[in-house]
């Protein structure tokens, strides 16, 4: 399954220093005296399945827009930018391999992977759905993903269930 912005790569998140924080940053209190400097926005995007990204028309690309990606918009993922977009998605390790496709279409499981990607110079798209906001979402998504089962199946644990579970986790406070 595809992710917005190209090939996967592990992003190294860094928190912006207080001096570099934009003036619009607000302090949010989370009970028991805990505070965070910002809330990250959590979006869900539907993108074409891997192998279908290059279809010639938007109509055909929209037909295969079945892969679900969680996009986090917030501070701290890139020091040089005031905000950054970081994506998390879940897909088979080799999604276009004939054996993987057959195994999944027959309802079986295969090995999957969770990808994290930093999108530089990108803005949220009108087609993305804003789900809410929460504190320190990139770090919390990494922790959640490290514990998530990477066995993937078309009719069980898949990109949709991963995205739903991740969003639910990020928006609980």
N, C-alpha and C. Protein backbone atom coordinates (compact mmCIF):
# COMPACT_ATOMS: atom_id res chain seq x y z
N UNK A 1 0.85 -1.18 0.00
CA UNK A 1 0.00 0.00 0.00
C UNK A 1 0.89 1.23 0.00
N UNK A 2 0.49 2.31 -0.61
CA UNK A 2 1.32 3.50 -0.76
C UNK A 2 1.13 4.47 0.37
N UNK A 3 2.07 5.41 0.51
CA UNK A 3 1.96 6.48 1.49
C UNK A 3 2.21 7.78 0.78
N UNK A 4 1.59 8.85 1.21
CA UNK A 4 1.81 10.11 0.53
C UNK A 4 3.25 10.55 0.66
N UNK A 5 3.86 10.97 -0.42
CA UNK A 5 5.18 11.56 -0.32
C UNK A 5 6.34 10.70 -0.76
N UNK A 6 6.14 9.47 -1.25
CA UNK A 6 7.26 8.71 -1.80
C UNK A 6 7.72 7.59 -0.90
N UNK A 7 8.98 7.16 -1.09
CA UNK A 7 9.49 5.98 -0.39
C UNK A 7 9.58 6.18 1.11
N UNK A 8 9.44 5.08 1.83
CA UNK A 8 9.47 5.14 3.29
C UNK A 8 10.88 5.40 3.79
N UNK A 9 10.97 6.15 4.85
CA UNK A 9 12.24 6.34 5.54
C UNK A 9 11.93 6.66 6.98
N UNK A 10 12.78 6.23 7.87
CA UNK A 10 12.58 6.46 9.30
C UNK A 10 12.95 7.90 9.61
N UNK A 11 12.04 8.63 10.20
CA UNK A 11 12.30 10.02 10.56
C UNK A 11 12.87 10.08 11.96
N UNK A 12 13.73 11.03 12.20
CA UNK A 12 14.26 11.25 13.52
C UNK A 12 13.57 12.49 14.06
N UNK A 13 12.73 12.31 15.06
CA UNK A 13 11.99 13.44 15.61
C UNK A 13 12.82 14.21 16.62
N UNK A 14 12.74 15.52 16.56
CA UNK A 14 13.41 16.38 17.54
C UNK A 14 12.43 17.44 17.99
N UNK A 15 12.40 17.69 19.27
CA UNK A 15 11.52 18.71 19.82
C UNK A 15 12.11 20.09 19.56
N UNK A 16 11.26 21.02 19.15
CA UNK A 16 11.72 22.40 18.97
C UNK A 16 12.05 22.99 20.33
N UNK A 17 13.09 23.77 20.38
CA UNK A 17 13.41 24.44 21.64
C UNK A 17 12.37 25.51 21.91
N UNK A 18 12.23 25.91 23.14
CA UNK A 18 11.26 26.95 23.49
C UNK A 18 11.54 28.24 22.72
N UNK A 19 12.82 28.57 22.50
CA UNK A 19 13.15 29.79 21.78
C UNK A 19 12.68 29.72 20.33
N UNK A 20 12.67 28.54 19.74
CA UNK A 20 12.30 28.41 18.34
C UNK A 20 10.79 28.22 18.14
N UNK A 21 10.06 28.02 19.24
CA UNK A 21 8.62 27.77 19.12
C UNK A 21 7.90 28.99 18.59
N UNK A 22 6.94 28.79 17.69
CA UNK A 22 6.20 29.93 17.15
C UNK A 22 5.37 30.61 18.23
N UNK A 23 5.08 31.88 18.03
CA UNK A 23 4.33 32.65 19.01
C UNK A 23 2.95 32.08 19.26
N UNK A 24 2.37 31.39 18.27
CA UNK A 24 1.02 30.86 18.40
C UNK A 24 0.95 29.61 19.27
N UNK A 25 2.09 29.06 19.68
CA UNK A 25 2.10 27.85 20.51
C UNK A 25 1.40 28.15 21.82
N UNK A 26 0.52 27.24 22.24
CA UNK A 26 -0.16 27.44 23.51
C UNK A 26 0.13 26.28 24.43
N UNK A 27 0.10 26.54 25.71
CA UNK A 27 0.37 25.52 26.71
C UNK A 27 -0.94 24.83 27.06
N UNK A 28 -0.95 23.49 27.05
CA UNK A 28 -2.15 22.72 27.34
C UNK A 28 -1.90 21.91 28.60
N UNK A 29 -2.81 22.00 29.56
CA UNK A 29 -2.66 21.27 30.83
C UNK A 29 -3.39 19.95 30.76
N UNK A 30 -2.71 18.89 31.20
CA UNK A 30 -3.27 17.54 31.12
C UNK A 30 -3.38 16.91 32.51
N UNK A 31 -4.03 17.51 33.41
CA UNK A 31 -4.24 16.94 34.74
C UNK A 31 -2.94 16.66 35.48
N UNK A 32 -3.01 16.54 36.77
CA UNK A 32 -1.88 16.25 37.65
C UNK A 32 -0.70 17.16 37.39
N UNK A 33 -0.95 18.37 36.93
CA UNK A 33 0.12 19.34 36.73
C UNK A 33 0.95 19.14 35.48
N UNK A 34 0.64 18.12 34.66
CA UNK A 34 1.42 17.87 33.44
C UNK A 34 1.00 18.87 32.37
N UNK A 35 1.96 19.34 31.59
CA UNK A 35 1.64 20.29 30.52
C UNK A 35 2.43 19.95 29.27
N UNK A 36 1.87 20.28 28.13
CA UNK A 36 2.58 20.16 26.86
C UNK A 36 2.51 21.50 26.17
N UNK A 37 3.45 21.77 25.28
CA UNK A 37 3.51 23.06 24.62
C UNK A 37 2.61 23.16 23.40
N UNK A 38 2.04 22.07 22.96
CA UNK A 38 1.21 22.12 21.76
C UNK A 38 0.36 20.85 21.67
N UNK A 39 -0.61 20.90 20.79
CA UNK A 39 -1.38 19.72 20.43
C UNK A 39 -1.14 19.47 18.95
N UNK A 40 -0.84 18.22 18.61
CA UNK A 40 -0.66 17.84 17.22
C UNK A 40 -2.02 17.51 16.61
N UNK A 41 -2.20 17.85 15.36
CA UNK A 41 -3.42 17.47 14.64
C UNK A 41 -3.23 16.07 14.08
N UNK A 42 -4.29 15.28 14.13
CA UNK A 42 -4.26 13.90 13.64
C UNK A 42 -5.25 13.79 12.48
N UNK A 43 -4.72 13.45 11.31
CA UNK A 43 -5.50 13.32 10.08
C UNK A 43 -5.49 11.87 9.62
N UNK A 44 -6.48 11.51 8.81
CA UNK A 44 -6.49 10.22 8.12
C UNK A 44 -6.61 10.51 6.63
N UNK A 45 -5.73 9.87 5.86
CA UNK A 45 -5.73 10.05 4.41
C UNK A 45 -5.93 8.69 3.74
N UNK A 46 -6.65 8.70 2.65
CA UNK A 46 -6.79 7.51 1.80
C UNK A 46 -5.94 7.74 0.56
N UNK A 47 -5.07 6.80 0.26
CA UNK A 47 -4.16 6.92 -0.88
C UNK A 47 -4.26 5.66 -1.74
N UNK A 48 -3.77 5.73 -2.99
CA UNK A 48 -3.81 4.52 -3.85
C UNK A 48 -2.98 3.38 -3.26
N UNK A 49 -3.42 2.18 -3.54
CA UNK A 49 -2.65 0.99 -3.16
C UNK A 49 -1.30 1.01 -3.88
N UNK A 50 -0.29 0.41 -3.26
CA UNK A 50 1.04 0.32 -3.90
C UNK A 50 0.88 -0.37 -5.25
N UNK A 51 1.52 0.20 -6.26
CA UNK A 51 1.45 -0.34 -7.61
C UNK A 51 0.43 0.37 -8.47
N UNK A 52 -0.46 1.14 -7.85
CA UNK A 52 -1.50 1.84 -8.58
C UNK A 52 -1.33 3.35 -8.56
N UNK A 53 -0.25 3.85 -7.97
CA UNK A 53 -0.04 5.29 -7.84
C UNK A 53 0.08 6.00 -9.19
N UNK A 54 0.58 5.30 -10.21
CA UNK A 54 0.86 5.94 -11.50
C UNK A 54 -0.26 5.77 -12.52
N UNK A 55 -1.45 5.41 -12.08
CA UNK A 55 -2.56 5.30 -13.03
C UNK A 55 -2.75 6.63 -13.75
N UNK A 56 -3.13 6.60 -15.02
CA UNK A 56 -3.11 7.82 -15.85
C UNK A 56 -4.14 8.90 -15.53
N UNK A 57 -5.24 8.55 -14.87
CA UNK A 57 -6.25 9.59 -14.62
C UNK A 57 -6.63 9.62 -13.14
N UNK A 58 -7.04 10.78 -12.65
CA UNK A 58 -7.49 10.87 -11.26
C UNK A 58 -8.66 9.93 -10.98
N UNK A 59 -9.54 9.74 -11.95
CA UNK A 59 -10.68 8.83 -11.77
C UNK A 59 -10.20 7.42 -11.42
N UNK A 60 -9.24 6.90 -12.19
CA UNK A 60 -8.73 5.55 -11.93
C UNK A 60 -7.97 5.49 -10.61
N UNK A 61 -7.18 6.52 -10.30
CA UNK A 61 -6.44 6.55 -9.03
C UNK A 61 -7.41 6.54 -7.85
N UNK A 62 -8.53 7.26 -7.97
CA UNK A 62 -9.52 7.30 -6.89
C UNK A 62 -10.19 5.95 -6.67
N UNK A 63 -10.32 5.14 -7.72
CA UNK A 63 -10.91 3.81 -7.58
C UNK A 63 -10.07 2.91 -6.68
N UNK A 64 -8.76 3.11 -6.67
CA UNK A 64 -7.88 2.26 -5.87
C UNK A 64 -7.37 2.98 -4.62
N UNK A 65 -7.99 4.06 -4.24
CA UNK A 65 -7.61 4.84 -3.05
C UNK A 65 -8.14 4.12 -1.81
N UNK A 66 -7.55 2.97 -1.52
CA UNK A 66 -8.04 2.11 -0.45
C UNK A 66 -7.09 2.00 0.74
N UNK A 67 -5.86 2.50 0.59
CA UNK A 67 -4.88 2.40 1.68
C UNK A 67 -5.07 3.57 2.63
N UNK A 68 -5.08 3.29 3.93
CA UNK A 68 -5.31 4.33 4.94
C UNK A 68 -4.01 4.65 5.65
N UNK A 69 -3.73 5.96 5.74
CA UNK A 69 -2.50 6.47 6.35
C UNK A 69 -2.88 7.47 7.43
N UNK A 70 -2.22 7.40 8.58
CA UNK A 70 -2.41 8.39 9.64
C UNK A 70 -1.34 9.46 9.44
N UNK A 71 -1.78 10.72 9.42
CA UNK A 71 -0.87 11.85 9.22
C UNK A 71 -0.93 12.72 10.47
N UNK A 72 0.23 13.00 11.05
CA UNK A 72 0.30 13.84 12.24
C UNK A 72 0.95 15.16 11.85
N UNK A 73 0.25 16.23 12.13
CA UNK A 73 0.75 17.57 11.86
C UNK A 73 1.11 18.20 13.19
N UNK A 74 2.39 18.49 13.38
CA UNK A 74 2.77 19.09 14.65
C UNK A 74 4.19 19.56 14.68
N UNK A 75 4.56 20.12 15.80
CA UNK A 75 5.92 20.61 16.01
C UNK A 75 6.83 19.46 16.38
N UNK A 76 8.12 19.72 16.28
CA UNK A 76 9.08 18.81 16.84
C UNK A 76 9.59 17.73 15.91
N UNK A 77 8.97 17.51 14.77
CA UNK A 77 9.45 16.47 13.88
C UNK A 77 10.60 16.97 13.02
N UNK A 78 10.72 18.28 12.89
CA UNK A 78 11.82 18.84 12.09
C UNK A 78 12.22 20.18 12.69
N UNK A 79 13.46 20.32 13.11
CA UNK A 79 13.92 21.55 13.75
C UNK A 79 13.80 22.77 12.86
N UNK A 80 14.05 22.59 11.56
CA UNK A 80 14.07 23.74 10.66
C UNK A 80 12.68 24.22 10.26
N UNK A 81 11.64 23.53 10.63
CA UNK A 81 10.28 23.94 10.26
C UNK A 81 9.46 24.14 11.51
N UNK A 82 8.50 25.06 11.46
CA UNK A 82 7.65 25.27 12.62
C UNK A 82 6.63 24.15 12.76
N UNK A 83 6.23 23.55 11.65
CA UNK A 83 5.35 22.38 11.71
C UNK A 83 5.87 21.35 10.71
N UNK A 84 5.47 20.12 10.92
CA UNK A 84 5.88 19.04 10.02
C UNK A 84 4.74 18.04 9.92
N UNK A 85 4.74 17.27 8.86
CA UNK A 85 3.79 16.17 8.69
C UNK A 85 4.56 14.87 8.78
N UNK A 86 4.10 13.98 9.64
CA UNK A 86 4.70 12.66 9.78
C UNK A 86 3.60 11.64 9.55
N UNK A 87 3.87 10.67 8.68
CA UNK A 87 2.86 9.65 8.37
C UNK A 87 3.23 8.32 9.02
N UNK A 88 2.20 7.56 9.35
CA UNK A 88 2.35 6.20 9.85
C UNK A 88 1.36 5.35 9.06
N UNK A 89 1.86 4.23 8.52
CA UNK A 89 0.96 3.31 7.83
C UNK A 89 1.44 1.89 8.00
N UNK A 90 0.58 0.94 7.65
CA UNK A 90 0.81 -0.48 7.87
C UNK A 90 0.48 -1.21 6.57
N UNK A 91 1.42 -2.01 6.08
CA UNK A 91 1.22 -2.72 4.82
C UNK A 91 2.09 -3.97 4.78
N UNK A 92 1.82 -4.88 3.84
CA UNK A 92 2.68 -6.06 3.72
C UNK A 92 4.12 -5.65 3.39
N UNK A 93 5.07 -6.46 3.79
CA UNK A 93 6.48 -6.16 3.52
C UNK A 93 6.73 -6.08 2.02
N UNK A 94 6.15 -6.98 1.25
CA UNK A 94 6.32 -6.94 -0.21
C UNK A 94 4.92 -6.95 -0.85
N UNK A 95 4.23 -5.80 -0.84
CA UNK A 95 2.82 -5.77 -1.22
C UNK A 95 2.50 -6.12 -2.66
N UNK A 96 3.46 -6.01 -3.58
CA UNK A 96 3.16 -6.33 -4.98
C UNK A 96 3.64 -7.71 -5.41
N UNK A 97 4.27 -8.44 -4.50
CA UNK A 97 4.72 -9.80 -4.83
C UNK A 97 3.51 -10.70 -5.07
N UNK A 98 3.54 -11.48 -6.15
CA UNK A 98 2.39 -12.36 -6.44
C UNK A 98 1.98 -13.24 -5.26
N UNK A 99 2.96 -13.79 -4.55
CA UNK A 99 2.65 -14.65 -3.39
C UNK A 99 1.91 -13.90 -2.30
N UNK A 100 2.31 -12.66 -2.06
CA UNK A 100 1.64 -11.83 -1.04
C UNK A 100 0.21 -11.53 -1.47
N UNK A 101 0.03 -11.15 -2.72
CA UNK A 101 -1.30 -10.81 -3.23
C UNK A 101 -2.23 -12.02 -3.12
N UNK A 102 -1.76 -13.18 -3.56
CA UNK A 102 -2.58 -14.40 -3.51
C UNK A 102 -2.92 -14.76 -2.07
N UNK A 103 -1.91 -14.76 -1.20
CA UNK A 103 -2.12 -15.09 0.22
C UNK A 103 -3.19 -14.19 0.84
N UNK A 104 -3.11 -12.89 0.55
CA UNK A 104 -4.07 -11.95 1.15
C UNK A 104 -5.45 -12.09 0.53
N UNK A 105 -5.54 -12.28 -0.77
CA UNK A 105 -6.85 -12.44 -1.42
C UNK A 105 -7.57 -13.71 -0.95
N UNK A 106 -6.79 -14.72 -0.57
CA UNK A 106 -7.38 -15.96 -0.06
C UNK A 106 -7.71 -15.86 1.43
N UNK A 107 -7.49 -14.69 2.02
CA UNK A 107 -7.85 -14.48 3.43
C UNK A 107 -6.76 -14.83 4.41
N UNK A 108 -5.57 -15.14 3.92
CA UNK A 108 -4.48 -15.50 4.81
C UNK A 108 -3.73 -14.29 5.34
N UNK A 109 -2.84 -14.56 6.27
CA UNK A 109 -1.97 -13.53 6.84
C UNK A 109 -0.61 -13.57 6.17
N UNK A 110 0.08 -12.44 6.24
CA UNK A 110 1.45 -12.36 5.78
C UNK A 110 2.19 -11.37 6.69
N UNK A 111 3.49 -11.29 6.53
CA UNK A 111 4.27 -10.36 7.34
C UNK A 111 4.06 -8.94 6.85
N UNK A 112 3.86 -8.04 7.80
CA UNK A 112 3.66 -6.64 7.46
C UNK A 112 4.71 -5.77 8.13
N UNK A 113 4.66 -4.49 7.81
CA UNK A 113 5.56 -3.53 8.44
C UNK A 113 4.82 -2.22 8.65
N UNK A 114 5.24 -1.51 9.68
CA UNK A 114 4.71 -0.18 9.96
C UNK A 114 5.76 0.80 9.50
N UNK A 115 5.33 1.73 8.64
CA UNK A 115 6.26 2.73 8.11
C UNK A 115 6.00 4.08 8.75
N UNK A 116 7.08 4.80 8.96
CA UNK A 116 7.00 6.18 9.42
C UNK A 116 7.73 7.03 8.38
N UNK A 117 7.13 8.14 8.01
CA UNK A 117 7.71 8.98 6.98
C UNK A 117 7.55 10.44 7.36
N UNK A 118 8.59 11.23 7.18
CA UNK A 118 8.52 12.67 7.39
C UNK A 118 8.30 13.33 6.04
N UNK A 119 7.25 14.12 5.93
CA UNK A 119 6.95 14.82 4.68
C UNK A 119 7.39 16.26 4.82
N UNK A 120 8.41 16.64 4.10
CA UNK A 120 8.90 18.01 4.16
C UNK A 120 8.23 18.86 3.09
N UNK A 121 7.90 20.09 3.44
CA UNK A 121 7.32 21.02 2.48
C UNK A 121 5.92 20.66 2.02
N UNK A 122 5.21 19.85 2.78
CA UNK A 122 3.85 19.44 2.41
C UNK A 122 2.85 20.08 3.37
N UNK A 123 1.64 20.25 2.90
CA UNK A 123 0.54 20.77 3.70
C UNK A 123 -0.59 19.74 3.69
N UNK A 124 -1.44 19.75 4.73
CA UNK A 124 -2.59 18.84 4.70
C UNK A 124 -3.45 19.09 3.46
N UNK A 125 -4.01 18.03 2.92
CA UNK A 125 -4.84 18.13 1.72
C UNK A 125 -6.31 18.18 2.09
N UNK A 126 -7.09 18.79 1.22
CA UNK A 126 -8.53 18.92 1.45
C UNK A 126 -9.21 17.55 1.57
N UNK A 127 -8.65 16.52 0.94
CA UNK A 127 -9.26 15.19 0.97
C UNK A 127 -8.98 14.44 2.27
N UNK A 128 -8.06 14.93 3.11
CA UNK A 128 -7.77 14.26 4.37
C UNK A 128 -8.85 14.61 5.39
N UNK A 129 -9.11 13.67 6.28
CA UNK A 129 -10.11 13.88 7.32
C UNK A 129 -9.43 14.17 8.66
N UNK A 130 -9.70 15.34 9.23
CA UNK A 130 -9.16 15.71 10.53
C UNK A 130 -9.94 14.94 11.59
N UNK A 131 -9.22 14.16 12.40
CA UNK A 131 -9.86 13.33 13.42
C UNK A 131 -9.86 14.01 14.79
N UNK A 132 -8.89 14.89 15.03
CA UNK A 132 -8.79 15.55 16.33
C UNK A 132 -7.37 15.96 16.59
N UNK A 133 -7.06 16.22 17.86
CA UNK A 133 -5.70 16.61 18.21
C UNK A 133 -5.34 16.03 19.56
N UNK A 134 -4.05 15.90 19.78
CA UNK A 134 -3.55 15.35 21.03
C UNK A 134 -2.10 15.74 21.24
N UNK A 135 -1.60 15.53 22.45
CA UNK A 135 -0.22 15.91 22.77
C UNK A 135 0.81 14.87 22.31
N UNK A 136 1.96 15.33 21.87
CA UNK A 136 3.12 14.47 21.59
C UNK A 136 2.77 13.25 20.74
N UNK A 137 2.03 13.47 19.68
CA UNK A 137 1.50 12.35 18.90
C UNK A 137 2.56 11.54 18.17
N UNK A 138 3.61 12.16 17.66
CA UNK A 138 4.62 11.39 16.93
C UNK A 138 5.30 10.39 17.87
N UNK A 139 5.70 10.86 19.05
CA UNK A 139 6.35 9.96 20.01
C UNK A 139 5.40 8.87 20.47
N UNK A 140 4.14 9.23 20.70
CA UNK A 140 3.15 8.25 21.13
C UNK A 140 2.82 7.26 20.03
N UNK A 141 2.81 7.71 18.76
CA UNK A 141 2.58 6.80 17.64
C UNK A 141 3.73 5.80 17.50
N UNK A 142 4.95 6.27 17.72
CA UNK A 142 6.10 5.35 17.67
C UNK A 142 5.99 4.28 18.74
N UNK A 143 5.64 4.67 19.96
CA UNK A 143 5.51 3.70 21.05
C UNK A 143 4.39 2.70 20.76
N UNK A 144 3.24 3.19 20.31
CA UNK A 144 2.11 2.33 19.95
C UNK A 144 2.52 1.34 18.86
N UNK A 145 3.18 1.85 17.82
CA UNK A 145 3.55 1.01 16.68
C UNK A 145 4.57 -0.06 17.04
N UNK A 146 5.43 0.23 18.00
CA UNK A 146 6.44 -0.76 18.40
C UNK A 146 5.80 -1.97 19.07
N UNK A 147 4.59 -1.83 19.57
CA UNK A 147 3.88 -2.93 20.24
C UNK A 147 2.81 -3.56 19.35
N UNK A 148 2.57 -3.02 18.17
CA UNK A 148 1.48 -3.47 17.31
C UNK A 148 1.86 -4.75 16.56
N UNK A 149 0.92 -5.70 16.44
CA UNK A 149 1.18 -6.93 15.69
C UNK A 149 1.41 -6.62 14.22
N UNK A 150 2.46 -7.19 13.65
CA UNK A 150 2.76 -6.93 12.24
C UNK A 150 2.31 -8.07 11.33
N UNK A 151 1.43 -8.92 11.82
CA UNK A 151 0.78 -9.90 10.94
C UNK A 151 -0.39 -9.19 10.30
N UNK A 152 -0.45 -9.19 8.97
CA UNK A 152 -1.46 -8.42 8.25
C UNK A 152 -2.31 -9.35 7.39
N UNK A 153 -3.60 -9.05 7.32
CA UNK A 153 -4.51 -9.81 6.45
C UNK A 153 -5.56 -8.86 5.92
N UNK A 154 -6.09 -9.20 4.77
CA UNK A 154 -7.07 -8.34 4.13
C UNK A 154 -8.35 -8.22 4.95
N UNK A 155 -8.75 -9.30 5.62
CA UNK A 155 -10.03 -9.32 6.32
C UNK A 155 -9.89 -9.29 7.83
N UNK A 156 -8.70 -8.96 8.34
CA UNK A 156 -8.49 -8.90 9.78
C UNK A 156 -7.67 -7.68 10.14
N UNK A 157 -6.47 -7.91 10.58
CA UNK A 157 -5.55 -6.84 10.96
C UNK A 157 -4.96 -6.24 9.69
N UNK A 158 -5.33 -5.01 9.36
CA UNK A 158 -4.89 -4.40 8.10
C UNK A 158 -4.66 -2.90 8.29
N UNK A 159 -4.45 -2.18 7.21
CA UNK A 159 -4.16 -0.74 7.31
C UNK A 159 -5.31 0.04 7.93
N UNK A 160 -6.54 -0.41 7.72
CA UNK A 160 -7.70 0.29 8.28
C UNK A 160 -7.77 0.07 9.79
N UNK A 161 -7.60 -1.17 10.24
CA UNK A 161 -7.67 -1.44 11.68
C UNK A 161 -6.49 -0.78 12.39
N UNK A 162 -5.30 -0.80 11.77
CA UNK A 162 -4.14 -0.11 12.35
C UNK A 162 -4.43 1.39 12.51
N UNK A 163 -4.91 2.03 11.44
CA UNK A 163 -5.19 3.46 11.49
C UNK A 163 -6.25 3.76 12.55
N UNK A 164 -7.33 2.98 12.58
CA UNK A 164 -8.38 3.19 13.58
C UNK A 164 -7.82 3.07 15.00
N UNK A 165 -7.04 2.02 15.24
CA UNK A 165 -6.48 1.80 16.58
C UNK A 165 -5.48 2.91 16.96
N UNK A 166 -4.65 3.31 16.00
CA UNK A 166 -3.66 4.37 16.27
C UNK A 166 -4.36 5.69 16.57
N UNK A 167 -5.33 6.07 15.75
CA UNK A 167 -6.05 7.33 15.97
C UNK A 167 -6.74 7.31 17.33
N UNK A 168 -7.39 6.21 17.65
CA UNK A 168 -8.06 6.06 18.93
C UNK A 168 -7.06 6.25 20.08
N UNK A 169 -5.90 5.65 19.96
CA UNK A 169 -4.85 5.76 20.98
C UNK A 169 -4.38 7.21 21.11
N UNK A 170 -4.15 7.87 20.00
CA UNK A 170 -3.60 9.24 20.03
C UNK A 170 -4.60 10.25 20.58
N UNK A 171 -5.89 10.00 20.40
CA UNK A 171 -6.87 10.99 20.82
C UNK A 171 -7.41 10.77 22.22
N UNK A 172 -6.97 9.71 22.90
CA UNK A 172 -7.33 9.52 24.30
C UNK A 172 -6.38 10.36 25.14
N UNK A 173 -6.92 11.10 26.06
CA UNK A 173 -6.04 11.87 26.98
C UNK A 173 -6.49 11.68 28.40
